Amino acid sequence: MRILAALKKYGRRNFIRETLGIYETWEEMNAAEIALITPEALADPACYNITKGGQGSYTKRTQQRRPMIVTIISKEGDEISGSVVEISKKIGVPTKKIYDLIHGHRRVYRGFTIAGSSPTACQE
């Protein structure tokens, strides 16, 4: 990938990361990327994109990595739902321990257990 080679050659500190927009949906983000990464932009030697907007390989990887929504039950019977990171922050338990519960490496950790048999992926 062009950007990785450039980062290695010039060093990370010689690049600036800038957020150009925040979008509600994947489709809105793709539309904005299509508008920004045009064939003319690709012809610019300073452009590190290798395909026109909305066609990158990043799409498939990101769609497969949707956050897991899990429900944890405390020893008092309280249910706490959310992503692994959200739950970790709410109850003060490391994310690794929550993943251990999810994958069955532990049945209980500090009085918490997983509700049901398996977490579900968040569907949009």
N, C-alpha and C. Protein backbone atom coordinates (compact mmCIF):
# COMPACT_ATOMS: atom_id res chain seq x y z
N MET A 1 0.85 -1.18 0.00
CA MET A 1 0.00 0.00 0.00
C MET A 1 0.89 1.24 0.00
N ARG A 2 0.49 2.21 -0.78
CA ARG A 2 1.29 3.43 -0.92
C ARG A 2 1.51 4.14 0.40
N ILE A 3 0.45 4.28 1.18
CA ILE A 3 0.55 5.05 2.42
C ILE A 3 1.50 4.38 3.41
N LEU A 4 1.46 3.06 3.50
CA LEU A 4 2.35 2.36 4.42
C LEU A 4 3.81 2.54 4.03
N ALA A 5 4.10 2.48 2.72
CA ALA A 5 5.46 2.70 2.25
C ALA A 5 5.91 4.13 2.55
N ALA A 6 5.02 5.08 2.35
CA ALA A 6 5.36 6.48 2.61
C ALA A 6 5.58 6.72 4.12
N LEU A 7 4.75 6.12 4.95
CA LEU A 7 4.93 6.26 6.40
C LEU A 7 6.28 5.70 6.83
N LYS A 8 6.65 4.58 6.26
CA LYS A 8 7.93 3.96 6.59
C LYS A 8 9.09 4.85 6.11
N LYS A 9 8.95 5.38 4.91
CA LYS A 9 10.03 6.18 4.32
C LYS A 9 10.19 7.54 5.01
N TYR A 10 9.05 8.25 5.24
CA TYR A 10 9.12 9.62 5.75
C TYR A 10 8.86 9.75 7.25
N GLY A 11 8.30 8.70 7.85
CA GLY A 11 7.99 8.74 9.28
C GLY A 11 6.60 9.30 9.55
N ARG A 12 5.94 8.75 10.54
CA ARG A 12 4.57 9.11 10.88
C ARG A 12 4.43 10.60 11.23
N ARG A 13 5.44 11.17 11.86
CA ARG A 13 5.34 12.57 12.30
C ARG A 13 5.31 13.56 11.15
N ASN A 14 5.63 13.10 9.93
CA ASN A 14 5.59 13.97 8.76
C ASN A 14 4.24 13.93 8.04
N PHE A 15 3.26 13.30 8.65
CA PHE A 15 1.92 13.24 8.08
C PHE A 15 0.92 13.84 9.05
N ILE A 16 -0.16 14.35 8.52
CA ILE A 16 -1.23 14.90 9.34
C ILE A 16 -2.50 14.13 9.03
N ARG A 17 -3.17 13.69 10.07
CA ARG A 17 -4.46 13.01 9.90
C ARG A 17 -5.55 14.03 10.17
N GLU A 18 -6.47 14.15 9.24
CA GLU A 18 -7.54 15.13 9.36
C GLU A 18 -8.88 14.45 9.11
N THR A 19 -9.83 14.64 10.02
CA THR A 19 -11.17 14.10 9.83
C THR A 19 -11.94 15.06 8.94
N LEU A 20 -12.39 14.57 7.80
CA LEU A 20 -13.08 15.41 6.84
C LEU A 20 -14.58 15.41 7.02
N GLY A 21 -15.09 14.45 7.77
CA GLY A 21 -16.53 14.39 8.00
C GLY A 21 -16.89 13.24 8.91
N ILE A 22 -18.04 13.37 9.55
CA ILE A 22 -18.59 12.30 10.38
C ILE A 22 -19.98 12.02 9.84
N TYR A 23 -20.26 10.75 9.58
CA TYR A 23 -21.49 10.38 8.90
C TYR A 23 -22.31 9.40 9.71
N GLU A 24 -23.60 9.47 9.53
CA GLU A 24 -24.54 8.61 10.27
C GLU A 24 -24.55 7.18 9.72
N THR A 25 -24.38 7.05 8.42
CA THR A 25 -24.49 5.72 7.81
C THR A 25 -23.29 5.44 6.92
N TRP A 26 -23.10 4.16 6.64
CA TRP A 26 -22.04 3.72 5.74
C TRP A 26 -22.26 4.31 4.35
N GLU A 27 -23.51 4.37 3.91
CA GLU A 27 -23.82 4.88 2.58
C GLU A 27 -23.46 6.35 2.45
N GLU A 28 -23.76 7.17 3.48
CA GLU A 28 -23.41 8.59 3.46
C GLU A 28 -21.89 8.77 3.38
N MET A 29 -21.17 7.95 4.14
CA MET A 29 -19.72 8.03 4.13
C MET A 29 -19.17 7.68 2.75
N ASN A 30 -19.69 6.63 2.14
CA ASN A 30 -19.23 6.25 0.80
C ASN A 30 -19.52 7.34 -0.22
N ALA A 31 -20.69 7.95 -0.14
CA ALA A 31 -21.05 9.03 -1.07
C ALA A 31 -20.06 10.20 -0.94
N ALA A 32 -19.71 10.55 0.28
CA ALA A 32 -18.75 11.64 0.50
C ALA A 32 -17.37 11.25 -0.03
N GLU A 33 -16.99 9.99 0.17
CA GLU A 33 -15.68 9.54 -0.31
C GLU A 33 -15.64 9.54 -1.83
N ILE A 34 -16.74 9.16 -2.47
CA ILE A 34 -16.81 9.16 -3.93
C ILE A 34 -16.65 10.58 -4.46
N ALA A 35 -17.26 11.55 -3.76
CA ALA A 35 -17.15 12.95 -4.18
C ALA A 35 -15.72 13.48 -4.00
N LEU A 36 -15.01 13.01 -2.99
CA LEU A 36 -13.66 13.50 -2.71
C LEU A 36 -12.57 12.81 -3.53
N ILE A 37 -12.65 11.51 -3.68
CA ILE A 37 -11.59 10.74 -4.34
C ILE A 37 -12.01 10.49 -5.79
N THR A 38 -11.74 11.44 -6.62
CA THR A 38 -12.11 11.39 -8.03
C THR A 38 -10.94 10.88 -8.86
N PRO A 39 -11.17 10.55 -10.12
CA PRO A 39 -10.04 10.15 -10.99
C PRO A 39 -8.97 11.25 -11.07
N GLU A 40 -9.40 12.51 -11.03
CA GLU A 40 -8.44 13.61 -11.07
C GLU A 40 -7.57 13.61 -9.82
N ALA A 41 -8.19 13.35 -8.65
CA ALA A 41 -7.42 13.30 -7.40
C ALA A 41 -6.43 12.14 -7.44
N LEU A 42 -6.84 11.01 -8.01
CA LEU A 42 -5.96 9.84 -8.11
C LEU A 42 -4.74 10.11 -8.99
N ALA A 43 -4.89 11.01 -9.97
CA ALA A 43 -3.79 11.33 -10.88
C ALA A 43 -2.73 12.20 -10.19
N ASP A 44 -3.09 12.84 -9.08
CA ASP A 44 -2.16 13.69 -8.34
C ASP A 44 -1.10 12.82 -7.66
N PRO A 45 0.18 13.08 -7.89
CA PRO A 45 1.22 12.26 -7.28
C PRO A 45 1.22 12.31 -5.74
N ALA A 46 0.62 13.33 -5.17
CA ALA A 46 0.56 13.44 -3.71
C ALA A 46 -0.58 12.63 -3.11
N CYS A 47 -1.44 12.04 -3.95
CA CYS A 47 -2.58 11.25 -3.47
C CYS A 47 -2.14 9.83 -3.17
N TYR A 48 -2.48 9.35 -1.98
CA TYR A 48 -2.10 8.00 -1.58
C TYR A 48 -3.21 6.98 -1.82
N ASN A 49 -4.37 7.42 -2.27
CA ASN A 49 -5.44 6.48 -2.57
C ASN A 49 -5.09 5.69 -3.84
N ILE A 50 -5.50 4.43 -3.88
CA ILE A 50 -5.20 3.63 -5.07
C ILE A 50 -6.45 3.32 -5.91
N THR A 51 -7.63 3.60 -5.36
CA THR A 51 -8.87 3.43 -6.13
C THR A 51 -9.76 4.63 -5.89
N LYS A 52 -10.72 4.84 -6.78
CA LYS A 52 -11.62 5.97 -6.58
C LYS A 52 -12.47 5.73 -5.34
N GLY A 53 -13.03 6.78 -4.82
CA GLY A 53 -13.79 6.72 -3.57
C GLY A 53 -14.90 5.69 -3.57
N GLY A 54 -15.11 5.08 -2.40
CA GLY A 54 -16.19 4.13 -2.22
C GLY A 54 -15.89 2.72 -2.69
N GLN A 55 -14.65 2.44 -3.10
CA GLN A 55 -14.34 1.12 -3.64
C GLN A 55 -13.20 0.43 -2.90
N GLY A 56 -12.75 0.97 -1.80
CA GLY A 56 -11.60 0.39 -1.12
C GLY A 56 -11.88 -0.97 -0.51
N SER A 57 -10.81 -1.71 -0.22
CA SER A 57 -10.94 -3.02 0.41
C SER A 57 -11.33 -2.88 1.87
N TYR A 58 -11.20 -1.69 2.42
CA TYR A 58 -11.54 -1.44 3.81
C TYR A 58 -13.02 -1.73 4.09
N THR A 59 -13.86 -1.58 3.07
CA THR A 59 -15.30 -1.79 3.21
C THR A 59 -15.63 -3.15 3.80
N LYS A 60 -15.12 -4.22 3.23
CA LYS A 60 -15.47 -5.56 3.68
C LYS A 60 -14.97 -5.82 5.09
N ARG A 61 -13.74 -5.41 5.38
CA ARG A 61 -13.19 -5.63 6.72
C ARG A 61 -14.02 -4.92 7.78
N THR A 62 -14.39 -3.68 7.51
CA THR A 62 -15.12 -2.90 8.50
C THR A 62 -16.51 -3.47 8.73
N GLN A 63 -17.18 -3.90 7.67
CA GLN A 63 -18.51 -4.44 7.83
C GLN A 63 -18.49 -5.74 8.61
N GLN A 64 -17.41 -6.50 8.53
CA GLN A 64 -17.32 -7.75 9.28
C GLN A 64 -17.02 -7.50 10.75
N ARG A 65 -16.54 -6.32 11.10
CA ARG A 65 -16.12 -6.04 12.46
C ARG A 65 -17.15 -5.20 13.21
N ARG A 66 -18.39 -5.49 13.07
CA ARG A 66 -19.42 -4.77 13.81
C ARG A 66 -19.29 -5.10 15.29
N PRO A 67 -19.57 -4.12 16.15
CA PRO A 67 -19.39 -4.39 17.58
C PRO A 67 -20.38 -5.43 18.09
N MET A 68 -19.90 -6.27 19.02
CA MET A 68 -20.78 -7.26 19.64
C MET A 68 -21.60 -6.55 20.71
N ILE A 69 -22.86 -6.88 20.77
CA ILE A 69 -23.72 -6.39 21.84
C ILE A 69 -23.91 -7.56 22.78
N VAL A 70 -23.55 -7.37 24.02
CA VAL A 70 -23.56 -8.44 25.01
C VAL A 70 -24.39 -8.00 26.20
N THR A 71 -24.95 -8.95 26.90
CA THR A 71 -25.64 -8.67 28.16
C THR A 71 -24.92 -9.41 29.26
N ILE A 72 -24.52 -8.66 30.27
CA ILE A 72 -23.83 -9.21 31.44
C ILE A 72 -24.85 -9.21 32.59
N ILE A 73 -24.81 -10.24 33.40
CA ILE A 73 -25.69 -10.31 34.58
C ILE A 73 -24.82 -10.29 35.82
N SER A 74 -25.15 -9.37 36.74
CA SER A 74 -24.40 -9.30 38.00
C SER A 74 -24.93 -10.36 38.96
N LYS A 75 -24.19 -10.59 40.05
CA LYS A 75 -24.65 -11.58 41.03
C LYS A 75 -25.96 -11.15 41.69
N GLU A 76 -26.28 -9.85 41.63
CA GLU A 76 -27.56 -9.37 42.15
C GLU A 76 -28.70 -9.55 41.15
N GLY A 77 -28.36 -9.97 39.91
CA GLY A 77 -29.38 -10.20 38.89
C GLY A 77 -29.61 -9.02 37.96
N ASP A 78 -28.84 -7.94 38.13
CA ASP A 78 -28.97 -6.78 37.25
C ASP A 78 -28.38 -7.10 35.88
N GLU A 79 -29.09 -6.69 34.81
CA GLU A 79 -28.60 -6.89 33.45
C GLU A 79 -28.00 -5.60 32.93
N ILE A 80 -26.83 -5.71 32.31
CA ILE A 80 -26.15 -4.57 31.71
C ILE A 80 -25.85 -4.96 30.28
N SER A 81 -26.37 -4.19 29.32
CA SER A 81 -26.15 -4.49 27.90
C SER A 81 -25.33 -3.40 27.24
N GLY A 82 -24.61 -3.78 26.21
CA GLY A 82 -23.84 -2.83 25.43
C GLY A 82 -22.70 -3.53 24.74
N SER A 83 -21.82 -2.74 24.12
CA SER A 83 -20.64 -3.32 23.50
C SER A 83 -19.68 -3.74 24.61
N VAL A 84 -18.71 -4.55 24.27
CA VAL A 84 -17.74 -5.02 25.26
C VAL A 84 -17.04 -3.83 25.91
N VAL A 85 -16.67 -2.84 25.12
CA VAL A 85 -15.97 -1.66 25.66
C VAL A 85 -16.89 -0.87 26.59
N GLU A 86 -18.14 -0.68 26.20
CA GLU A 86 -19.09 0.05 27.05
C GLU A 86 -19.28 -0.65 28.39
N ILE A 87 -19.46 -1.96 28.34
CA ILE A 87 -19.66 -2.72 29.58
C ILE A 87 -18.41 -2.66 30.44
N SER A 88 -17.25 -2.78 29.81
CA SER A 88 -15.99 -2.71 30.53
C SER A 88 -15.90 -1.42 31.33
N LYS A 89 -16.26 -0.31 30.70
CA LYS A 89 -16.21 0.99 31.39
C LYS A 89 -17.26 1.08 32.49
N LYS A 90 -18.46 0.56 32.21
CA LYS A 90 -19.55 0.64 33.20
C LYS A 90 -19.25 -0.12 34.47
N ILE A 91 -18.67 -1.32 34.35
CA ILE A 91 -18.50 -2.16 35.53
C ILE A 91 -17.06 -2.26 36.02
N GLY A 92 -16.13 -1.59 35.30
CA GLY A 92 -14.75 -1.57 35.74
C GLY A 92 -14.03 -2.90 35.62
N VAL A 93 -14.34 -3.65 34.58
CA VAL A 93 -13.72 -4.95 34.35
C VAL A 93 -12.96 -4.86 33.02
N PRO A 94 -11.74 -5.37 32.95
CA PRO A 94 -10.98 -5.32 31.69
C PRO A 94 -11.73 -6.02 30.55
N THR A 95 -11.61 -5.48 29.34
CA THR A 95 -12.30 -6.08 28.19
C THR A 95 -11.89 -7.53 27.98
N LYS A 96 -10.63 -7.86 28.26
CA LYS A 96 -10.17 -9.24 28.09
C LYS A 96 -10.99 -10.20 28.94
N LYS A 97 -11.34 -9.80 30.16
CA LYS A 97 -12.13 -10.67 31.04
C LYS A 97 -13.54 -10.86 30.49
N ILE A 98 -14.08 -9.81 29.87
CA ILE A 98 -15.42 -9.93 29.27
C ILE A 98 -15.35 -10.88 28.07
N TYR A 99 -14.30 -10.76 27.24
CA TYR A 99 -14.13 -11.69 26.13
C TYR A 99 -13.95 -13.12 26.63
N ASP A 100 -13.25 -13.29 27.76
CA ASP A 100 -13.11 -14.63 28.35
C ASP A 100 -14.48 -15.21 28.70
N LEU A 101 -15.38 -14.36 29.23
CA LEU A 101 -16.74 -14.81 29.55
C LEU A 101 -17.49 -15.18 28.26
N ILE A 102 -17.38 -14.34 27.25
CA ILE A 102 -18.08 -14.56 25.99
C ILE A 102 -17.65 -15.88 25.36
N HIS A 103 -16.35 -16.14 25.35
CA HIS A 103 -15.83 -17.32 24.66
C HIS A 103 -15.80 -18.57 25.54
N GLY A 104 -16.32 -18.45 26.75
CA GLY A 104 -16.43 -19.62 27.61
C GLY A 104 -15.16 -20.00 28.35
N HIS A 105 -14.15 -19.14 28.35
CA HIS A 105 -12.93 -19.44 29.09
C HIS A 105 -13.15 -19.28 30.59
N ARG A 106 -14.16 -18.51 30.94
CA ARG A 106 -14.59 -18.33 32.33
C ARG A 106 -16.11 -18.38 32.35
N ARG A 107 -16.67 -18.86 33.44
CA ARG A 107 -18.13 -18.82 33.58
C ARG A 107 -18.56 -17.60 34.37
N VAL A 108 -17.71 -17.19 35.33
CA VAL A 108 -18.03 -16.05 36.19
C VAL A 108 -16.75 -15.26 36.42
N TYR A 109 -16.87 -13.94 36.43
CA TYR A 109 -15.75 -13.08 36.79
C TYR A 109 -16.28 -11.96 37.67
N ARG A 110 -15.77 -11.88 38.89
CA ARG A 110 -16.19 -10.88 39.88
C ARG A 110 -17.70 -10.81 40.03
N GLY A 111 -18.36 -11.94 39.96
CA GLY A 111 -19.80 -11.99 40.14
C GLY A 111 -20.60 -11.72 38.88
N PHE A 112 -19.93 -11.49 37.75
CA PHE A 112 -20.62 -11.24 36.49
C PHE A 112 -20.57 -12.47 35.62
N THR A 113 -21.63 -12.68 34.85
CA THR A 113 -21.68 -13.78 33.90
C THR A 113 -22.39 -13.28 32.64
N ILE A 114 -22.29 -14.02 31.55
CA ILE A 114 -22.93 -13.64 30.29
C ILE A 114 -24.35 -14.18 30.25
N ALA A 115 -25.28 -13.34 29.83
CA ALA A 115 -26.67 -13.77 29.66
C ALA A 115 -26.80 -14.53 28.36
N GLY A 116 -27.55 -15.60 28.33
CA GLY A 116 -27.77 -16.37 27.12
C GLY A 116 -26.53 -17.14 26.71
N SER A 117 -26.58 -17.75 25.55
CA SER A 117 -25.46 -18.61 25.15
C SER A 117 -24.44 -17.91 24.26
N SER A 118 -24.87 -16.91 23.47
CA SER A 118 -23.90 -16.27 22.59
C SER A 118 -24.31 -14.84 22.32
N PRO A 119 -23.32 -13.94 22.18
CA PRO A 119 -23.61 -12.55 21.86
C PRO A 119 -24.03 -12.43 20.39
N THR A 120 -24.70 -11.34 20.07
CA THR A 120 -25.10 -11.12 18.68
C THR A 120 -24.39 -9.91 18.13
N ALA A 121 -24.16 -9.92 16.83
CA ALA A 121 -23.54 -8.78 16.19
C ALA A 121 -24.59 -7.69 16.01
N CYS A 122 -24.16 -6.47 16.15
CA CYS A 122 -25.04 -5.32 15.99
C CYS A 122 -25.46 -5.23 14.53
N GLN A 123 -26.71 -5.16 14.25
CA GLN A 123 -27.20 -5.03 12.88
C GLN A 123 -27.75 -3.64 12.66
N GLU A 124 -27.35 -3.01 11.57
CA GLU A 124 -27.84 -1.66 11.28
C GLU A 124 -28.90 -1.70 10.22
